[in-house]
């Protein structure tokens, strides 16, 4: 069968009863089907795409989340800490006031279904993928110099379709934190 191609620049491969041609000069891949050569599209997966989001809840908790896509995996870091405000004293010095964090761990143990869900959106606001981080599981305590727990750190990864997530332009969150009702007034 003559395909009208210079075969010396093509590497011919048989895979699962299909014939593929790999152009040695350009690297393009084609499929031979019913005597026709069909050039397959090439997709570029971005390297190390990072997205970030932060927020606060009822002036009791605040968080920062960052994600990094590497091929078909997204790695995330979520930092949860007591809500912080900054004021200036009469001399202009900045004073940081942080809400007590001691209530958080017992409240999360009682409310095992509390979560923050990270959602990946395209440029038009459509959700492409999401991942739920359960707040009562797999965290590391963040402590201050006196040994008091001032925050929780969550780290992990999940699998994604890299072609879909390559279109992600922003990150947003939704949450269910019933534990906030246990926060001091």
N, C-alpha and C. Protein backbone atom coordinates (compact mmCIF):
# COMPACT_ATOMS: atom_id res chain seq x y z
N UNK A 1 0.86 -1.18 0.00
CA UNK A 1 0.00 0.00 0.00
C UNK A 1 0.90 1.24 0.00
N UNK A 2 0.67 2.17 -0.91
CA UNK A 2 1.44 3.40 -1.02
C UNK A 2 0.69 4.53 -0.36
N UNK A 3 1.32 5.20 0.60
CA UNK A 3 0.68 6.30 1.31
C UNK A 3 1.13 7.66 0.79
N UNK A 4 2.03 7.65 -0.16
CA UNK A 4 2.52 8.90 -0.71
C UNK A 4 3.44 9.64 0.26
N UNK A 5 4.12 8.92 1.12
CA UNK A 5 4.99 9.53 2.12
C UNK A 5 6.42 9.07 1.92
N UNK A 6 7.34 9.90 2.28
CA UNK A 6 8.74 9.47 2.29
C UNK A 6 8.94 8.70 3.59
N UNK A 7 8.94 7.40 3.53
CA UNK A 7 8.97 6.57 4.73
C UNK A 7 10.30 6.63 5.47
N UNK A 8 11.35 7.08 4.81
CA UNK A 8 12.63 7.10 5.51
C UNK A 8 12.67 8.14 6.64
N UNK A 9 11.77 9.13 6.64
CA UNK A 9 11.75 10.07 7.76
C UNK A 9 10.74 9.67 8.83
N UNK A 10 10.02 8.57 8.60
CA UNK A 10 9.00 8.12 9.54
C UNK A 10 9.42 6.84 10.22
N UNK A 11 9.12 6.76 11.49
CA UNK A 11 9.28 5.52 12.24
C UNK A 11 7.88 4.91 12.31
N UNK A 12 7.70 3.68 11.85
CA UNK A 12 6.40 3.03 11.81
C UNK A 12 6.28 2.12 13.04
N UNK A 13 5.20 2.29 13.80
CA UNK A 13 4.97 1.49 15.01
C UNK A 13 3.59 0.86 14.94
N UNK A 14 3.51 -0.41 15.30
CA UNK A 14 2.23 -1.13 15.41
C UNK A 14 1.92 -1.24 16.90
N UNK A 15 0.78 -0.68 17.31
CA UNK A 15 0.36 -0.73 18.71
C UNK A 15 -1.12 -1.07 18.75
N UNK A 16 -1.47 -2.17 19.42
CA UNK A 16 -2.87 -2.58 19.59
C UNK A 16 -3.64 -2.58 18.27
N UNK A 17 -3.09 -3.24 17.27
CA UNK A 17 -3.73 -3.37 15.95
C UNK A 17 -3.91 -2.04 15.23
N UNK A 18 -3.14 -1.05 15.58
CA UNK A 18 -3.17 0.24 14.88
C UNK A 18 -1.76 0.57 14.43
N UNK A 19 -1.68 1.30 13.33
CA UNK A 19 -0.38 1.70 12.80
C UNK A 19 -0.19 3.19 13.02
N UNK A 20 0.95 3.54 13.62
CA UNK A 20 1.29 4.93 13.89
C UNK A 20 2.56 5.29 13.14
N UNK A 21 2.63 6.53 12.70
CA UNK A 21 3.82 7.07 12.06
C UNK A 21 4.36 8.19 12.94
N UNK A 22 5.65 8.12 13.23
CA UNK A 22 6.30 9.19 13.99
C UNK A 22 7.27 9.87 13.05
N UNK A 23 7.05 11.16 12.79
CA UNK A 23 7.92 11.93 11.92
C UNK A 23 9.22 12.19 12.67
N UNK A 24 10.33 11.66 12.16
CA UNK A 24 11.62 11.79 12.82
C UNK A 24 12.15 13.22 12.80
N UNK A 25 11.70 14.03 11.85
CA UNK A 25 12.17 15.41 11.76
C UNK A 25 11.40 16.35 12.68
N UNK A 26 10.08 16.16 12.74
CA UNK A 26 9.25 17.11 13.50
C UNK A 26 8.74 16.55 14.83
N UNK A 27 8.76 15.21 14.97
CA UNK A 27 8.24 14.59 16.19
C UNK A 27 6.73 14.43 16.19
N UNK A 28 6.06 14.82 15.11
CA UNK A 28 4.60 14.72 15.05
C UNK A 28 4.18 13.26 14.90
N UNK A 29 3.03 12.95 15.49
CA UNK A 29 2.49 11.60 15.49
C UNK A 29 1.26 11.55 14.61
N UNK A 30 1.17 10.50 13.78
CA UNK A 30 0.01 10.32 12.90
C UNK A 30 -0.49 8.89 13.05
N UNK A 31 -1.78 8.72 12.76
CA UNK A 31 -2.43 7.42 12.79
C UNK A 31 -2.79 7.04 11.37
N UNK A 32 -2.51 5.79 10.99
CA UNK A 32 -2.91 5.29 9.68
C UNK A 32 -4.20 4.52 9.88
N UNK A 33 -5.28 4.98 9.21
CA UNK A 33 -6.59 4.35 9.36
C UNK A 33 -7.29 4.32 8.01
N UNK A 34 -7.69 3.15 7.57
CA UNK A 34 -8.38 2.97 6.29
C UNK A 34 -7.62 3.60 5.13
N UNK A 35 -6.31 3.44 5.11
CA UNK A 35 -5.50 3.96 4.03
C UNK A 35 -5.25 5.45 4.08
N UNK A 36 -5.69 6.11 5.13
CA UNK A 36 -5.50 7.56 5.28
C UNK A 36 -4.56 7.83 6.45
N UNK A 37 -3.80 8.90 6.33
CA UNK A 37 -2.91 9.33 7.42
C UNK A 37 -3.58 10.49 8.14
N UNK A 38 -3.83 10.31 9.42
CA UNK A 38 -4.49 11.34 10.23
C UNK A 38 -3.47 11.87 11.23
N UNK A 39 -3.13 13.16 11.10
CA UNK A 39 -2.18 13.75 12.03
C UNK A 39 -2.88 14.00 13.36
N UNK A 40 -2.29 13.50 14.44
CA UNK A 40 -2.87 13.66 15.76
C UNK A 40 -2.43 14.99 16.36
N UNK A 41 -3.31 15.65 17.12
CA UNK A 41 -2.95 16.94 17.71
C UNK A 41 -1.89 16.79 18.79
N UNK A 42 -1.13 17.85 18.98
CA UNK A 42 -0.11 17.90 20.01
C UNK A 42 -0.60 18.83 21.12
N UNK A 43 -0.46 18.37 22.35
CA UNK A 43 -0.88 19.18 23.50
C UNK A 43 0.34 19.54 24.33
N UNK A 44 0.39 20.78 24.76
CA UNK A 44 1.48 21.23 25.61
C UNK A 44 0.95 21.35 27.04
N UNK A 45 1.60 20.66 27.94
CA UNK A 45 1.22 20.71 29.35
C UNK A 45 2.14 21.71 30.04
N UNK A 46 1.57 22.73 30.71
CA UNK A 46 2.41 23.73 31.37
C UNK A 46 3.18 23.11 32.53
N UNK A 47 4.36 23.62 32.75
CA UNK A 47 5.20 23.13 33.84
C UNK A 47 5.04 24.00 35.08
N UNK A 48 4.79 23.38 36.21
CA UNK A 48 4.81 24.07 37.49
C UNK A 48 3.81 25.20 37.63
N UNK A 49 2.61 25.07 37.09
CA UNK A 49 1.60 26.12 37.19
C UNK A 49 1.17 26.27 38.65
N UNK A 50 1.20 27.51 39.18
CA UNK A 50 0.84 27.75 40.57
C UNK A 50 -0.38 28.66 40.66
N UNK A 51 -1.28 28.35 41.60
CA UNK A 51 -2.45 29.17 41.89
C UNK A 51 -2.55 29.31 43.40
N UNK A 52 -3.08 30.46 43.87
CA UNK A 52 -3.20 30.73 45.30
C UNK A 52 -4.55 31.35 45.60
N UNK A 53 -5.01 31.14 46.85
CA UNK A 53 -6.24 31.76 47.34
C UNK A 53 -6.10 31.89 48.85
N UNK A 54 -6.77 32.89 49.42
CA UNK A 54 -6.79 33.04 50.87
C UNK A 54 -8.15 33.59 51.27
N UNK A 55 -8.46 33.46 52.55
CA UNK A 55 -9.74 33.95 53.04
C UNK A 55 -9.83 33.85 54.54
N UNK A 56 -10.97 34.28 55.08
CA UNK A 56 -11.19 34.19 56.52
C UNK A 56 -12.64 33.81 56.77
N UNK A 57 -12.90 33.33 57.98
CA UNK A 57 -14.22 32.84 58.35
C UNK A 57 -14.67 33.49 59.65
N UNK A 58 -15.72 34.27 59.60
CA UNK A 58 -16.36 34.85 60.79
C UNK A 58 -15.39 35.56 61.72
N UNK A 59 -14.31 36.08 61.19
CA UNK A 59 -13.27 36.74 61.98
C UNK A 59 -12.77 35.86 63.12
N UNK A 60 -12.73 34.55 62.87
CA UNK A 60 -12.22 33.58 63.85
C UNK A 60 -11.04 32.80 63.30
N UNK A 61 -11.08 32.49 62.02
CA UNK A 61 -10.02 31.74 61.36
C UNK A 61 -9.65 32.42 60.05
N UNK A 62 -8.42 32.22 59.62
CA UNK A 62 -8.00 32.66 58.30
C UNK A 62 -7.14 31.56 57.70
N UNK A 63 -7.05 31.55 56.38
CA UNK A 63 -6.25 30.52 55.72
C UNK A 63 -5.60 31.06 54.47
N UNK A 64 -4.55 30.34 54.07
CA UNK A 64 -3.87 30.57 52.79
C UNK A 64 -3.70 29.20 52.15
N UNK A 65 -4.00 29.12 50.88
CA UNK A 65 -3.82 27.86 50.15
C UNK A 65 -3.04 28.15 48.88
N UNK A 66 -2.11 27.28 48.57
CA UNK A 66 -1.39 27.39 47.30
C UNK A 66 -1.32 26.00 46.68
N UNK A 67 -1.36 25.99 45.35
CA UNK A 67 -1.32 24.73 44.61
C UNK A 67 -0.26 24.84 43.52
N UNK A 68 0.27 23.70 43.16
CA UNK A 68 1.24 23.64 42.07
C UNK A 68 0.95 22.40 41.25
N UNK A 69 0.71 22.59 39.96
CA UNK A 69 0.46 21.47 39.05
C UNK A 69 1.77 21.03 38.43
N UNK A 70 2.08 19.75 38.55
CA UNK A 70 3.23 19.15 37.88
C UNK A 70 2.69 17.93 37.14
N UNK A 71 2.60 18.06 35.83
CA UNK A 71 2.04 17.03 34.94
C UNK A 71 0.64 16.65 35.40
N UNK A 72 0.44 15.39 35.83
CA UNK A 72 -0.92 14.96 36.19
C UNK A 72 -1.18 14.98 37.69
N UNK A 73 -0.40 15.74 38.44
CA UNK A 73 -0.58 15.85 39.89
C UNK A 73 -0.69 17.32 40.28
N UNK A 74 -1.53 17.58 41.27
CA UNK A 74 -1.57 18.90 41.90
C UNK A 74 -1.15 18.71 43.34
N UNK A 75 -0.17 19.49 43.76
CA UNK A 75 0.30 19.48 45.14
C UNK A 75 -0.29 20.71 45.81
N UNK A 76 -0.71 20.57 47.07
CA UNK A 76 -1.29 21.72 47.76
C UNK A 76 -0.71 21.87 49.15
N UNK A 77 -0.74 23.12 49.62
CA UNK A 77 -0.42 23.47 51.01
C UNK A 77 -1.53 24.38 51.47
N UNK A 78 -2.12 24.05 52.61
CA UNK A 78 -3.18 24.85 53.21
C UNK A 78 -2.75 25.18 54.63
N UNK A 79 -2.65 26.47 54.95
CA UNK A 79 -2.32 26.93 56.29
C UNK A 79 -3.56 27.53 56.91
N UNK A 80 -3.97 27.00 58.07
CA UNK A 80 -5.14 27.48 58.81
C UNK A 80 -4.63 28.05 60.13
N UNK A 81 -5.05 29.27 60.45
CA UNK A 81 -4.57 29.91 61.69
C UNK A 81 -5.64 30.82 62.25
N UNK A 82 -5.39 31.30 63.46
CA UNK A 82 -6.32 32.24 64.09
C UNK A 82 -6.38 33.54 63.31
N UNK A 83 -7.55 34.14 63.28
CA UNK A 83 -7.76 35.40 62.55
C UNK A 83 -6.89 36.49 63.17
N UNK A 84 -6.25 37.28 62.34
CA UNK A 84 -5.34 38.31 62.82
C UNK A 84 -5.77 39.68 62.30
N UNK A 85 -5.74 40.65 63.20
CA UNK A 85 -5.96 42.04 62.81
C UNK A 85 -4.71 42.83 63.17
N UNK A 86 -4.53 43.94 62.50
CA UNK A 86 -3.40 44.82 62.79
C UNK A 86 -3.91 46.22 63.06
N UNK A 87 -3.44 46.78 64.14
CA UNK A 87 -3.79 48.16 64.49
C UNK A 87 -2.49 48.90 64.81
N UNK A 88 -2.58 50.21 64.83
CA UNK A 88 -1.42 51.02 65.19
C UNK A 88 -1.67 51.65 66.56
N UNK A 89 -0.60 51.66 67.36
CA UNK A 89 -0.72 52.34 68.65
C UNK A 89 -0.46 53.83 68.45
N UNK A 90 -0.42 54.57 69.54
CA UNK A 90 -0.27 56.04 69.46
C UNK A 90 1.08 56.46 68.87
N UNK A 91 2.07 55.57 68.90
CA UNK A 91 3.38 55.91 68.34
C UNK A 91 3.50 55.47 66.87
N UNK A 92 2.46 54.82 66.34
CA UNK A 92 2.49 54.36 64.96
C UNK A 92 3.01 52.94 64.79
N UNK A 93 3.35 52.30 65.91
CA UNK A 93 3.83 50.92 65.86
C UNK A 93 2.65 49.99 65.57
N UNK A 94 2.88 49.03 64.68
CA UNK A 94 1.82 48.07 64.32
C UNK A 94 1.72 47.00 65.39
N UNK A 95 0.49 46.80 65.86
CA UNK A 95 0.21 45.78 66.88
C UNK A 95 -0.64 44.71 66.22
N UNK A 96 -0.18 43.48 66.33
CA UNK A 96 -0.92 42.35 65.76
C UNK A 96 -1.77 41.72 66.86
N UNK A 97 -3.04 41.54 66.56
CA UNK A 97 -3.97 40.87 67.48
C UNK A 97 -4.48 39.62 66.79
N UNK A 98 -4.24 38.48 67.41
CA UNK A 98 -4.66 37.20 66.82
C UNK A 98 -5.69 36.55 67.73
N UNK A 99 -6.76 36.05 67.11
CA UNK A 99 -7.81 35.34 67.85
C UNK A 99 -7.22 34.05 68.41
N UNK A 100 -7.58 33.71 69.64
CA UNK A 100 -7.12 32.49 70.29
C UNK A 100 -7.43 31.28 69.40
N UNK A 101 -6.48 30.36 69.29
CA UNK A 101 -6.62 29.20 68.41
C UNK A 101 -6.88 27.90 69.17
N UNK A 102 -6.84 27.95 70.51
CA UNK A 102 -6.94 26.73 71.32
C UNK A 102 -8.25 25.96 71.12
N UNK A 103 -9.29 26.60 70.72
CA UNK A 103 -10.60 25.96 70.54
C UNK A 103 -10.69 25.12 69.26
N UNK A 104 -9.77 25.34 68.31
CA UNK A 104 -9.93 24.76 66.98
C UNK A 104 -9.79 23.24 66.95
N UNK A 105 -8.70 22.69 67.50
CA UNK A 105 -8.50 21.24 67.41
C UNK A 105 -9.61 20.44 68.09
N UNK A 106 -10.04 20.78 69.32
CA UNK A 106 -11.17 20.03 69.91
C UNK A 106 -12.45 20.16 69.08
N UNK A 107 -12.67 21.33 68.51
CA UNK A 107 -13.88 21.54 67.68
C UNK A 107 -13.82 20.70 66.41
N UNK A 108 -12.64 20.60 65.80
CA UNK A 108 -12.50 19.78 64.58
C UNK A 108 -12.66 18.29 64.89
N UNK A 109 -12.20 17.86 66.06
CA UNK A 109 -12.39 16.46 66.44
C UNK A 109 -13.87 16.14 66.61
N UNK A 110 -14.63 17.11 67.08
CA UNK A 110 -16.07 16.92 67.27
C UNK A 110 -16.83 17.00 65.94
N UNK A 111 -16.34 17.79 65.02
CA UNK A 111 -17.00 18.02 63.72
C UNK A 111 -16.12 17.45 62.61
N UNK A 112 -16.11 16.14 62.48
CA UNK A 112 -15.20 15.44 61.57
C UNK A 112 -15.46 15.69 60.09
N UNK A 113 -16.57 16.33 59.75
CA UNK A 113 -16.89 16.55 58.33
C UNK A 113 -16.61 17.97 57.87
N UNK A 114 -15.92 18.76 58.67
CA UNK A 114 -15.55 20.11 58.26
C UNK A 114 -14.51 20.03 57.14
N UNK A 115 -14.66 20.90 56.15
CA UNK A 115 -13.73 20.86 55.02
C UNK A 115 -13.59 22.23 54.37
N UNK A 116 -12.52 22.34 53.62
CA UNK A 116 -12.33 23.43 52.66
C UNK A 116 -12.13 22.75 51.31
N UNK A 117 -12.88 23.18 50.33
CA UNK A 117 -12.82 22.60 48.99
C UNK A 117 -12.16 23.62 48.06
N UNK A 118 -11.07 23.23 47.43
CA UNK A 118 -10.39 24.08 46.46
C UNK A 118 -10.96 23.78 45.08
N UNK A 119 -11.37 24.84 44.38
CA UNK A 119 -11.97 24.68 43.05
C UNK A 119 -11.13 25.43 42.02
N UNK A 120 -10.82 24.76 40.93
CA UNK A 120 -10.02 25.32 39.85
C UNK A 120 -10.95 25.81 38.76
N UNK A 121 -10.84 27.10 38.41
CA UNK A 121 -11.74 27.72 37.45
C UNK A 121 -10.99 28.13 36.19
N UNK A 122 -11.68 28.08 35.05
CA UNK A 122 -11.09 28.60 33.82
C UNK A 122 -11.31 30.11 33.77
N UNK A 123 -10.86 30.75 32.70
CA UNK A 123 -10.94 32.21 32.61
C UNK A 123 -12.37 32.73 32.56
N UNK A 124 -13.32 31.87 32.22
CA UNK A 124 -14.73 32.27 32.16
C UNK A 124 -15.49 31.95 33.44
N UNK A 125 -14.80 31.39 34.45
CA UNK A 125 -15.44 31.09 35.73
C UNK A 125 -16.04 29.71 35.84
N UNK A 126 -15.82 28.85 34.84
CA UNK A 126 -16.35 27.49 34.92
C UNK A 126 -15.39 26.62 35.73
N UNK A 127 -15.96 25.76 36.59
CA UNK A 127 -15.14 24.90 37.43
C UNK A 127 -14.63 23.72 36.60
N UNK A 128 -13.32 23.54 36.60
CA UNK A 128 -12.68 22.46 35.85
C UNK A 128 -12.43 21.23 36.72
N UNK A 129 -12.12 21.45 37.99
CA UNK A 129 -11.83 20.36 38.92
C UNK A 129 -11.90 20.92 40.33
N UNK A 130 -11.98 20.02 41.31
CA UNK A 130 -11.99 20.44 42.70
C UNK A 130 -11.41 19.35 43.57
N UNK A 131 -10.96 19.73 44.76
CA UNK A 131 -10.43 18.78 45.73
C UNK A 131 -10.87 19.21 47.12
N UNK A 132 -11.33 18.24 47.90
CA UNK A 132 -11.80 18.50 49.25
C UNK A 132 -10.71 18.16 50.25
N UNK A 133 -10.42 19.10 51.15
CA UNK A 133 -9.46 18.88 52.23
C UNK A 133 -10.25 18.78 53.52
N UNK A 134 -10.26 17.58 54.10
CA UNK A 134 -10.96 17.36 55.36
C UNK A 134 -10.11 17.96 56.49
N UNK A 135 -10.68 18.86 57.27
CA UNK A 135 -9.90 19.60 58.27
C UNK A 135 -9.57 18.80 59.52
N UNK A 136 -10.25 17.67 59.74
CA UNK A 136 -9.95 16.88 60.94
C UNK A 136 -8.87 15.82 60.69
N UNK A 137 -8.38 15.72 59.46
CA UNK A 137 -7.41 14.68 59.10
C UNK A 137 -6.06 15.26 58.69
N UNK A 138 -5.02 14.51 58.96
CA UNK A 138 -3.68 14.68 58.37
C UNK A 138 -3.17 16.11 58.37
N UNK A 139 -3.06 16.71 59.52
CA UNK A 139 -2.49 18.05 59.62
C UNK A 139 -1.25 18.02 60.50
N UNK A 140 -0.46 19.06 60.38
CA UNK A 140 0.71 19.27 61.21
C UNK A 140 0.45 20.49 62.06
N UNK A 141 0.76 20.40 63.36
CA UNK A 141 0.60 21.56 64.24
C UNK A 141 1.67 22.60 63.94
N UNK A 142 1.28 23.85 63.92
CA UNK A 142 2.21 24.97 63.82
C UNK A 142 2.24 25.60 65.21
N UNK A 143 3.43 25.67 65.81
CA UNK A 143 3.54 26.17 67.19
C UNK A 143 4.40 27.43 67.24
N UNK A 144 4.15 28.24 68.28
CA UNK A 144 4.97 29.44 68.48
C UNK A 144 6.12 29.10 69.43
N UNK A 145 6.87 30.13 69.84
CA UNK A 145 8.04 29.92 70.69
C UNK A 145 7.69 29.34 72.06
N UNK A 146 6.49 29.59 72.54
CA UNK A 146 6.09 29.06 73.85
C UNK A 146 5.47 27.67 73.75
N UNK A 147 5.39 27.11 72.55
CA UNK A 147 4.84 25.77 72.38
C UNK A 147 3.34 25.72 72.17
N UNK A 148 2.68 26.88 72.10
CA UNK A 148 1.24 26.91 71.85
C UNK A 148 0.96 26.68 70.37
N UNK A 149 -0.08 25.90 70.09
CA UNK A 149 -0.49 25.67 68.71
C UNK A 149 -1.16 26.93 68.18
N UNK A 150 -0.61 27.49 67.11
CA UNK A 150 -1.16 28.72 66.52
C UNK A 150 -1.76 28.48 65.13
N UNK A 151 -1.61 27.26 64.63
CA UNK A 151 -2.15 26.97 63.31
C UNK A 151 -2.03 25.50 62.97
N UNK A 152 -2.64 25.15 61.86
CA UNK A 152 -2.57 23.79 61.33
C UNK A 152 -2.14 23.87 59.87
N UNK A 153 -1.29 22.94 59.46
CA UNK A 153 -0.81 22.90 58.07
C UNK A 153 -1.24 21.57 57.45
N UNK A 154 -1.84 21.68 56.26
CA UNK A 154 -2.27 20.51 55.50
C UNK A 154 -1.47 20.48 54.21
N UNK A 155 -0.90 19.33 53.89
CA UNK A 155 -0.15 19.17 52.65
C UNK A 155 -0.57 17.86 51.99
N UNK A 156 -0.64 17.85 50.69
CA UNK A 156 -1.01 16.64 49.99
C UNK A 156 -0.97 16.83 48.49
N UNK A 157 -1.49 15.83 47.80
CA UNK A 157 -1.55 15.88 46.34
C UNK A 157 -2.74 15.06 45.86
N UNK A 158 -3.14 15.31 44.63
CA UNK A 158 -4.20 14.54 44.01
C UNK A 158 -3.98 14.53 42.50
N UNK A 159 -4.52 13.50 41.86
CA UNK A 159 -4.35 13.33 40.42
C UNK A 159 -5.37 14.15 39.65
N UNK A 160 -4.95 14.66 38.50
CA UNK A 160 -5.82 15.47 37.64
C UNK A 160 -5.59 15.09 36.18
N UNK A 161 -6.50 15.52 35.34
CA UNK A 161 -6.28 15.44 33.90
C UNK A 161 -5.47 16.68 33.53
N UNK A 162 -4.21 16.52 33.14
CA UNK A 162 -3.37 17.69 32.90
C UNK A 162 -3.85 18.57 31.76
N UNK A 163 -4.52 18.00 30.77
CA UNK A 163 -5.00 18.82 29.65
C UNK A 163 -6.15 19.71 30.09
N UNK A 164 -7.02 19.19 30.96
CA UNK A 164 -8.13 20.00 31.47
C UNK A 164 -7.60 21.08 32.39
N UNK A 165 -6.76 20.69 33.34
CA UNK A 165 -6.30 21.66 34.34
C UNK A 165 -5.33 22.68 33.76
N UNK A 166 -4.78 22.42 32.59
CA UNK A 166 -3.89 23.41 31.97
C UNK A 166 -4.66 24.70 31.63
N UNK A 167 -5.98 24.61 31.58
CA UNK A 167 -6.83 25.78 31.30
C UNK A 167 -7.22 26.55 32.56
N UNK A 168 -6.81 26.07 33.75
CA UNK A 168 -7.18 26.75 35.00
C UNK A 168 -6.54 28.12 35.07
N UNK A 169 -7.35 29.12 35.41
CA UNK A 169 -6.87 30.50 35.50
C UNK A 169 -6.92 31.03 36.92
N UNK A 170 -7.77 30.43 37.78
CA UNK A 170 -7.88 30.92 39.15
C UNK A 170 -8.33 29.79 40.07
N UNK A 171 -8.22 30.09 41.35
CA UNK A 171 -8.57 29.14 42.39
C UNK A 171 -9.58 29.82 43.30
N UNK A 172 -10.64 29.12 43.67
CA UNK A 172 -11.58 29.65 44.65
C UNK A 172 -11.85 28.55 45.67
N UNK A 173 -12.58 28.90 46.72
CA UNK A 173 -12.85 27.90 47.75
C UNK A 173 -14.31 27.96 48.16
N UNK A 174 -14.77 26.83 48.65
CA UNK A 174 -16.05 26.72 49.35
C UNK A 174 -15.73 25.95 50.62
N UNK A 175 -16.56 26.11 51.63
CA UNK A 175 -16.24 25.45 52.89
C UNK A 175 -17.49 25.05 53.65
N UNK A 176 -17.29 24.11 54.53
CA UNK A 176 -18.28 23.72 55.52
C UNK A 176 -17.48 23.59 56.80
N UNK A 177 -17.63 24.55 57.70
CA UNK A 177 -16.90 24.51 58.96
C UNK A 177 -17.89 24.73 60.10
N UNK A 178 -18.53 23.66 60.50
CA UNK A 178 -19.48 23.72 61.61
C UNK A 178 -18.76 24.08 62.91
N UNK A 179 -17.47 23.79 62.98
CA UNK A 179 -16.66 24.08 64.16
C UNK A 179 -16.67 25.56 64.52
N UNK A 180 -16.96 26.43 63.56
CA UNK A 180 -16.99 27.87 63.85
C UNK A 180 -18.00 28.20 64.94
N UNK A 181 -19.04 27.37 65.08
CA UNK A 181 -20.03 27.63 66.13
C UNK A 181 -19.45 27.38 67.52
N UNK A 182 -18.32 26.67 67.60
CA UNK A 182 -17.65 26.43 68.88
C UNK A 182 -16.60 27.49 69.20
N UNK A 183 -16.41 28.44 68.33
CA UNK A 183 -15.40 29.48 68.53
C UNK A 183 -15.84 30.42 69.66
N UNK A 184 -14.86 30.93 70.42
CA UNK A 184 -15.22 31.91 71.46
C UNK A 184 -15.80 33.17 70.83
N UNK A 185 -16.71 33.78 71.52
CA UNK A 185 -17.38 35.00 71.02
C UNK A 185 -16.43 36.18 71.02
